[in-house]
Structure formats: structure tokens, C-alpha cells
Amino acid sequence: MGLDARTQLTAKFLTQHELAELLRLPERTLEDWRLTRSGTPYLNLGRHVRNDVQDVLAWVQEHRRG
């Protein structure tokens, strides 16, 4: 029983609210980051903004200090 590419796709996309909870930041901060292009990577899916959780975790690692 093999899995094809469609069944292996397990990307998880977060809403702005979910991302704010994950990072423990105000949603307004995430909005400001998008305006200044200084925050986490994001996708525009029509009118909806989504963040791939793997991209967010990689971004966090890149911005780690100490």
C-alpha cells in the first residue's frame, strides 16, 4: 500500500490569530511586520493571510539570539 504525493502533503497553515497565539504576540504586531516586510513568511490566499508552520519555525530559528 503506497502513498502518492497528495496523501503525503501535511503542510499546516496558521491563521493570524493562531500565529499570534503561537508566538505570544499581539495580532497587530504581525500586521505591522507584514506592512514592513520584516516578520514571518506568509501567503496571501485571496483575501486570507496564512503562515506555513514550518516556515514560521525556520524563521524563529534564524532570528534566535544567544
PDB file of N, CA and C in Angstrom:
ATOM      1  N   MET A   1       0.846  -1.178   0.000  1.00  0.00           N
ATOM      2  CA  MET A   1       0.000   0.000   0.000  1.00  0.00           C
ATOM      3  C   MET A   1       0.895   1.247   0.000  1.00  0.00           C
ATOM      4  N   GLY A   2       1.020   1.913  -1.150  1.00  0.00           N
ATOM      5  CA  GLY A   2       1.882   3.078  -1.259  1.00  0.00           C
ATOM      6  C   GLY A   2       1.113   4.380  -1.113  1.00  0.00           C
ATOM      7  N   LEU A   3       1.838   5.421  -0.778  1.00  0.00           N
ATOM      8  CA  LEU A   3       1.248   6.748  -0.657  1.00  0.00           C
ATOM      9  C   LEU A   3       1.717   7.597  -1.825  1.00  0.00           C
ATOM     10  N   ASP A   4       0.790   8.313  -2.433  1.00  0.00           N
ATOM     11  CA  ASP A   4       1.207   9.216  -3.504  1.00  0.00           C
ATOM     12  C   ASP A   4       1.488  10.598  -2.919  1.00  0.00           C
ATOM     13  N   ALA A   5       1.930  11.536  -3.754  1.00  0.00           N
ATOM     14  CA  ALA A   5       2.325  12.865  -3.279  1.00  0.00           C
ATOM     15  C   ALA A   5       1.186  13.587  -2.584  1.00  0.00           C
ATOM     16  N   ARG A   6      -0.040  13.398  -3.042  1.00  0.00           N
ATOM     17  CA  ARG A   6      -1.168  14.100  -2.426  1.00  0.00           C
ATOM     18  C   ARG A   6      -1.422  13.634  -0.998  1.00  0.00           C
ATOM     19  N   THR A   7      -1.259  12.374  -0.718  1.00  0.00           N
ATOM     20  CA  THR A   7      -1.528  11.884   0.629  1.00  0.00           C
ATOM     21  C   THR A   7      -0.365  12.158   1.574  1.00  0.00           C
ATOM     22  N   GLN A   8       0.812  12.472   1.026  1.00  0.00           N
ATOM     23  CA  GLN A   8       1.958  12.778   1.874  1.00  0.00           C
ATOM     24  C   GLN A   8       2.006  14.252   2.257  1.00  0.00           C
ATOM     25  N   LEU A   9       1.234  15.071   1.610  1.00  0.00           N
ATOM     26  CA  LEU A   9       1.217  16.505   1.888  1.00  0.00           C
ATOM     27  C   LEU A   9       0.622  16.745   3.271  1.00  0.00           C
ATOM     28  N   THR A  10       1.423  17.294   4.174  1.00  0.00           N
ATOM     29  CA  THR A  10       0.953  17.512   5.536  1.00  0.00           C
ATOM     30  C   THR A  10       1.207  18.932   6.009  1.00  0.00           C
ATOM     31  N   ALA A  11       1.304  19.876   5.087  1.00  0.00           N
ATOM     32  CA  ALA A  11       1.553  21.259   5.472  1.00  0.00           C
ATOM     33  C   ALA A  11       0.429  21.754   6.368  1.00  0.00           C
ATOM     34  N   LYS A  12       0.798  22.525   7.365  1.00  0.00           N
ATOM     35  CA  LYS A  12      -0.176  23.113   8.293  1.00  0.00           C
ATOM     36  C   LYS A  12      -0.076  24.617   8.145  1.00  0.00           C
ATOM     37  N   PHE A  13      -1.181  25.241   7.838  1.00  0.00           N
ATOM     38  CA  PHE A  13      -1.216  26.683   7.668  1.00  0.00           C
ATOM     39  C   PHE A  13      -1.961  27.315   8.835  1.00  0.00           C
ATOM     40  N   LEU A  14      -1.354  28.353   9.398  1.00  0.00           N
ATOM     41  CA  LEU A  14      -1.918  29.037  10.556  1.00  0.00           C
ATOM     42  C   LEU A  14      -2.592  30.331  10.141  1.00  0.00           C
ATOM     43  N   THR A  15      -3.684  30.649  10.816  1.00  0.00           N
ATOM     44  CA  THR A  15      -4.300  31.957  10.652  1.00  0.00           C
ATOM     45  C   THR A  15      -3.484  32.980  11.441  1.00  0.00           C
ATOM     46  N   GLN A  16      -3.774  34.244  11.247  1.00  0.00           N
ATOM     47  CA  GLN A  16      -3.091  35.287  12.003  1.00  0.00           C
ATOM     48  C   GLN A  16      -3.322  35.093  13.497  1.00  0.00           C
ATOM     49  N   HIS A  17      -4.541  34.765  13.866  1.00  0.00           N
ATOM     50  CA  HIS A  17      -4.866  34.558  15.283  1.00  0.00           C
ATOM     51  C   HIS A  17      -4.069  33.392  15.865  1.00  0.00           C
ATOM     52  N   GLU A  18      -3.997  32.287  15.133  1.00  0.00           N
ATOM     53  CA  GLU A  18      -3.252  31.120  15.601  1.00  0.00           C
ATOM     54  C   GLU A  18      -1.761  31.426  15.723  1.00  0.00           C
ATOM     55  N   LEU A  19      -1.217  32.173  14.756  1.00  0.00           N
ATOM     56  CA  LEU A  19       0.191  32.538  14.801  1.00  0.00           C
ATOM     57  C   LEU A  19       0.468  33.459  15.986  1.00  0.00           C
ATOM     58  N   ALA A  20      -0.413  34.403  16.221  1.00  0.00           N
ATOM     59  CA  ALA A  20      -0.249  35.309  17.363  1.00  0.00           C
ATOM     60  C   ALA A  20      -0.228  34.521  18.673  1.00  0.00           C
ATOM     61  N   GLU A  21      -1.092  33.536  18.791  1.00  0.00           N
ATOM     62  CA  GLU A  21      -1.097  32.701  19.994  1.00  0.00           C
ATOM     63  C   GLU A  21       0.185  31.887  20.105  1.00  0.00           C
ATOM     64  N   LEU A  22       0.646  31.324  18.992  1.00  0.00           N
ATOM     65  CA  LEU A  22       1.859  30.514  18.992  1.00  0.00           C
ATOM     66  C   LEU A  22       3.067  31.337  19.438  1.00  0.00           C
ATOM     67  N   LEU A  23       3.204  32.545  18.883  1.00  0.00           N
ATOM     68  CA  LEU A  23       4.345  33.402  19.193  1.00  0.00           C
ATOM     69  C   LEU A  23       4.119  34.275  20.424  1.00  0.00           C
ATOM     70  N   ARG A  24       2.904  34.247  20.937  1.00  0.00           N
ATOM     71  CA  ARG A  24       2.519  35.076  22.102  1.00  0.00           C
ATOM     72  C   ARG A  24       2.780  36.554  21.827  1.00  0.00           C
ATOM     73  N   LEU A  25       2.262  36.983  20.673  1.00  0.00           N
ATOM     74  CA  LEU A  25       2.374  38.372  20.233  1.00  0.00           C
ATOM     75  C   LEU A  25       0.993  38.902  19.887  1.00  0.00           C
ATOM     76  N   PRO A  26       0.816  40.226  19.963  1.00  0.00           N
ATOM     77  CA  PRO A  26      -0.450  40.793  19.500  1.00  0.00           C
ATOM     78  C   PRO A  26      -0.601  40.625  17.991  1.00  0.00           C
ATOM     79  N   GLU A  27      -1.835  40.430  17.537  1.00  0.00           N
ATOM     80  CA  GLU A  27      -2.078  40.319  16.095  1.00  0.00           C
ATOM     81  C   GLU A  27      -1.628  41.576  15.376  1.00  0.00           C
ATOM     82  N   ARG A  28      -1.731  42.711  16.030  1.00  0.00           N
ATOM     83  CA  ARG A  28      -1.319  43.975  15.413  1.00  0.00           C
ATOM     84  C   ARG A  28       0.173  43.959  15.060  1.00  0.00           C
ATOM     85  N   THR A  29       0.988  43.313  15.883  1.00  0.00           N
ATOM     86  CA  THR A  29       2.420  43.194  15.591  1.00  0.00           C
ATOM     87  C   THR A  29       2.626  42.431  14.288  1.00  0.00           C
ATOM     88  N   LEU A  30       1.884  41.357  14.100  1.00  0.00           N
ATOM     89  CA  LEU A  30       2.002  40.577  12.863  1.00  0.00           C
ATOM     90  C   LEU A  30       1.591  41.409  11.657  1.00  0.00           C
ATOM     91  N   GLU A  31       0.547  42.222  11.821  1.00  0.00           N
ATOM     92  CA  GLU A  31       0.118  43.103  10.733  1.00  0.00           C
ATOM     93  C   GLU A  31       1.206  44.122  10.404  1.00  0.00           C
ATOM     94  N   ASP A  32       1.818  44.693  11.439  1.00  0.00           N
ATOM     95  CA  ASP A  32       2.903  45.655  11.225  1.00  0.00           C
ATOM     96  C   ASP A  32       4.076  44.995  10.511  1.00  0.00           C
ATOM     97  N   TRP A  33       4.415  43.776  10.905  1.00  0.00           N
ATOM     98  CA  TRP A  33       5.513  43.057  10.254  1.00  0.00           C
ATOM     99  C   TRP A  33       5.222  42.836   8.779  1.00  0.00           C
ATOM    100  N   ARG A  34       3.970  42.520   8.449  1.00  0.00           N
ATOM    101  CA  ARG A  34       3.642  42.322   7.029  1.00  0.00           C
ATOM    102  C   ARG A  34       3.790  43.625   6.256  1.00  0.00           C
ATOM    103  N   LEU A  35       3.372  44.721   6.857  1.00  0.00           N
ATOM    104  CA  LEU A  35       3.480  46.020   6.175  1.00  0.00           C
ATOM    105  C   LEU A  35       4.935  46.411   5.937  1.00  0.00           C
ATOM    106  N   THR A  36       5.805  46.084   6.870  1.00  0.00           N
ATOM    107  CA  THR A  36       7.217  46.457   6.755  1.00  0.00           C
ATOM    108  C   THR A  36       8.063  45.329   6.181  1.00  0.00           C
ATOM    109  N   ARG A  37       7.433  44.198   5.872  1.00  0.00           N
ATOM    110  CA  ARG A  37       8.112  43.018   5.324  1.00  0.00           C
ATOM    111  C   ARG A  37       9.283  42.582   6.207  1.00  0.00           C
ATOM    112  N   SER A  38       9.055  42.595   7.514  1.00  0.00           N
ATOM    113  CA  SER A  38      10.135  42.262   8.438  1.00  0.00           C
ATOM    114  C   SER A  38       9.839  41.045   9.309  1.00  0.00           C
ATOM    115  N   GLY A  39       8.714  40.432   9.125  1.00  0.00           N
ATOM    116  CA  GLY A  39       8.333  39.334  10.006  1.00  0.00           C
ATOM    117  C   GLY A  39       8.395  37.976   9.352  1.00  0.00           C
ATOM    118  N   THR A  40       7.531  37.110   9.820  1.00  0.00           N
ATOM    119  CA  THR A  40       7.489  35.737   9.348  1.00  0.00           C
ATOM    120  C   THR A  40       7.025  35.673   7.888  1.00  0.00           C
ATOM    121  N   PRO A  41       7.470  34.649   7.163  1.00  0.00           N
ATOM    122  CA  PRO A  41       6.961  34.454   5.798  1.00  0.00           C
ATOM    123  C   PRO A  41       5.459  34.173   5.843  1.00  0.00           C
ATOM    124  N   TYR A  42       4.745  34.640   4.842  1.00  0.00           N
ATOM    125  CA  TYR A  42       3.301  34.422   4.808  1.00  0.00           C
ATOM    126  C   TYR A  42       2.824  34.251   3.374  1.00  0.00           C
ATOM    127  N   LEU A  43       1.612  33.755   3.261  1.00  0.00           N
ATOM    128  CA  LEU A  43       0.971  33.562   1.957  1.00  0.00           C
ATOM    129  C   LEU A  43      -0.299  34.387   1.914  1.00  0.00           C
ATOM    130  N   ASN A  44      -0.568  34.990   0.779  1.00  0.00           N
ATOM    131  CA  ASN A  44      -1.870  35.599   0.538  1.00  0.00           C
ATOM    132  C   ASN A  44      -2.666  34.617  -0.301  1.00  0.00           C
ATOM    133  N   LEU A  45      -3.731  34.118   0.246  1.00  0.00           N
ATOM    134  CA  LEU A  45      -4.627  33.214  -0.471  1.00  0.00           C
ATOM    135  C   LEU A  45      -5.938  33.960  -0.662  1.00  0.00           C
ATOM    136  N   GLY A  46      -6.001  34.711  -1.740  1.00  0.00           N
ATOM    137  CA  GLY A  46      -7.144  35.599  -1.932  1.00  0.00           C
ATOM    138  C   GLY A  46      -7.069  36.707  -0.890  1.00  0.00           C
ATOM    139  N   ARG A  47      -8.127  36.858  -0.119  1.00  0.00           N
ATOM    140  CA  ARG A  47      -8.144  37.865   0.942  1.00  0.00           C
ATOM    141  C   ARG A  47      -7.568  37.343   2.246  1.00  0.00           C
ATOM    142  N   HIS A  48      -7.173  36.095   2.265  1.00  0.00           N
ATOM    143  CA  HIS A  48      -6.747  35.449   3.507  1.00  0.00           C
ATOM    144  C   HIS A  48      -5.237  35.357   3.598  1.00  0.00           C
ATOM    145  N   VAL A  49      -4.715  35.652   4.774  1.00  0.00           N
ATOM    146  CA  VAL A  49      -3.294  35.525   5.052  1.00  0.00           C
ATOM    147  C   VAL A  49      -3.091  34.246   5.851  1.00  0.00           C
ATOM    148  N   ARG A  50      -2.125  33.434   5.413  1.00  0.00           N
ATOM    149  CA  ARG A  50      -1.820  32.194   6.117  1.00  0.00           C
ATOM    150  C   ARG A  50      -0.307  32.058   6.252  1.00  0.00           C
ATOM    151  N   ASN A  51       0.113  31.392   7.314  1.00  0.00           N
ATOM    152  CA  ASN A  51       1.518  31.149   7.576  1.00  0.00           C
ATOM    153  C   ASN A  51       1.751  29.650   7.651  1.00  0.00           C
ATOM    154  N   ASP A  52       2.708  29.168   6.870  1.00  0.00           N
ATOM    155  CA  ASP A  52       3.091  27.763   6.920  1.00  0.00           C
ATOM    156  C   ASP A  52       3.888  27.566   8.214  1.00  0.00           C
ATOM    157  N   VAL A  53       3.442  26.656   9.053  1.00  0.00           N
ATOM    158  CA  VAL A  53       4.068  26.471  10.359  1.00  0.00           C
ATOM    159  C   VAL A  53       5.548  26.116  10.222  1.00  0.00           C
ATOM    160  N   GLN A  54       5.936  25.364   9.199  1.00  0.00           N
ATOM    161  CA  GLN A  54       7.352  25.022   9.004  1.00  0.00           C
ATOM    162  C   GLN A  54       8.171  26.270   8.660  1.00  0.00           C
ATOM    163  N   ASP A  55       7.619  27.181   7.851  1.00  0.00           N
ATOM    164  CA  ASP A  55       8.302  28.439   7.539  1.00  0.00           C
ATOM    165  C   ASP A  55       8.466  29.293   8.789  1.00  0.00           C
ATOM    166  N   VAL A  56       7.447  29.317   9.618  1.00  0.00           N
ATOM    167  CA  VAL A  56       7.489  30.102  10.862  1.00  0.00           C
ATOM    168  C   VAL A  56       8.566  29.550  11.792  1.00  0.00           C
ATOM    169  N   LEU A  57       8.610  28.234  11.958  1.00  0.00           N
ATOM    170  CA  LEU A  57       9.612  27.636  12.843  1.00  0.00           C
ATOM    171  C   LEU A  57      11.029  27.889  12.328  1.00  0.00           C
ATOM    172  N   ALA A  58      11.223  27.831  11.014  1.00  0.00           N
ATOM    173  CA  ALA A  58      12.535  28.126  10.427  1.00  0.00           C
ATOM    174  C   ALA A  58      12.893  29.591  10.662  1.00  0.00           C
ATOM    175  N   TRP A  59      11.925  30.493  10.507  1.00  0.00           N
ATOM    176  CA  TRP A  59      12.148  31.919  10.738  1.00  0.00           C
ATOM    177  C   TRP A  59      12.550  32.170  12.182  1.00  0.00           C
ATOM    178  N   VAL A  60      11.882  31.514  13.117  1.00  0.00           N
ATOM    179  CA  VAL A  60      12.205  31.655  14.534  1.00  0.00           C
ATOM    180  C   VAL A  60      13.649  31.220  14.791  1.00  0.00           C
ATOM    181  N   GLN A  61      14.051  30.089  14.225  1.00  0.00           N
ATOM    182  CA  GLN A  61      15.418  29.600  14.404  1.00  0.00           C
ATOM    183  C   GLN A  61      16.448  30.602  13.857  1.00  0.00           C
ATOM    184  N   GLU A  62      16.146  31.205  12.695  1.00  0.00           N
ATOM    185  CA  GLU A  62      17.067  32.181  12.087  1.00  0.00           C
ATOM    186  C   GLU A  62      17.219  33.433  12.933  1.00  0.00           C
ATOM    187  N   HIS A  63      16.192  33.776  13.702  1.00  0.00           N
ATOM    188  CA  HIS A  63      16.217  35.006  14.495  1.00  0.00           C
ATOM    189  C   HIS A  63      16.550  34.772  15.965  1.00  0.00           C
ATOM    190  N   ARG A  64      17.007  33.585  16.254  1.00  0.00           N
ATOM    191  CA  ARG A  64      17.364  33.228  17.624  1.00  0.00           C
ATOM    192  C   ARG A  64      18.691  33.897  18.000  1.00  0.00           C
ATOM    193  N   ARG A  65      18.771  34.374  19.201  1.00  0.00           N
ATOM    194  CA  ARG A  65      19.996  35.008  19.709  1.00  0.00           C
ATOM    195  C   ARG A  65      20.515  34.191  20.880  1.00  0.00           C
ATOM    196  N   GLY A  66      21.826  34.142  21.005  1.00  0.00           N
ATOM    197  CA  GLY A  66      22.438  33.529  22.188  1.00  0.00           C
ATOM    198  C   GLY A  66      22.654  32.075  22.160  1.00  0.00           C
TER     199      GLY A  66
END
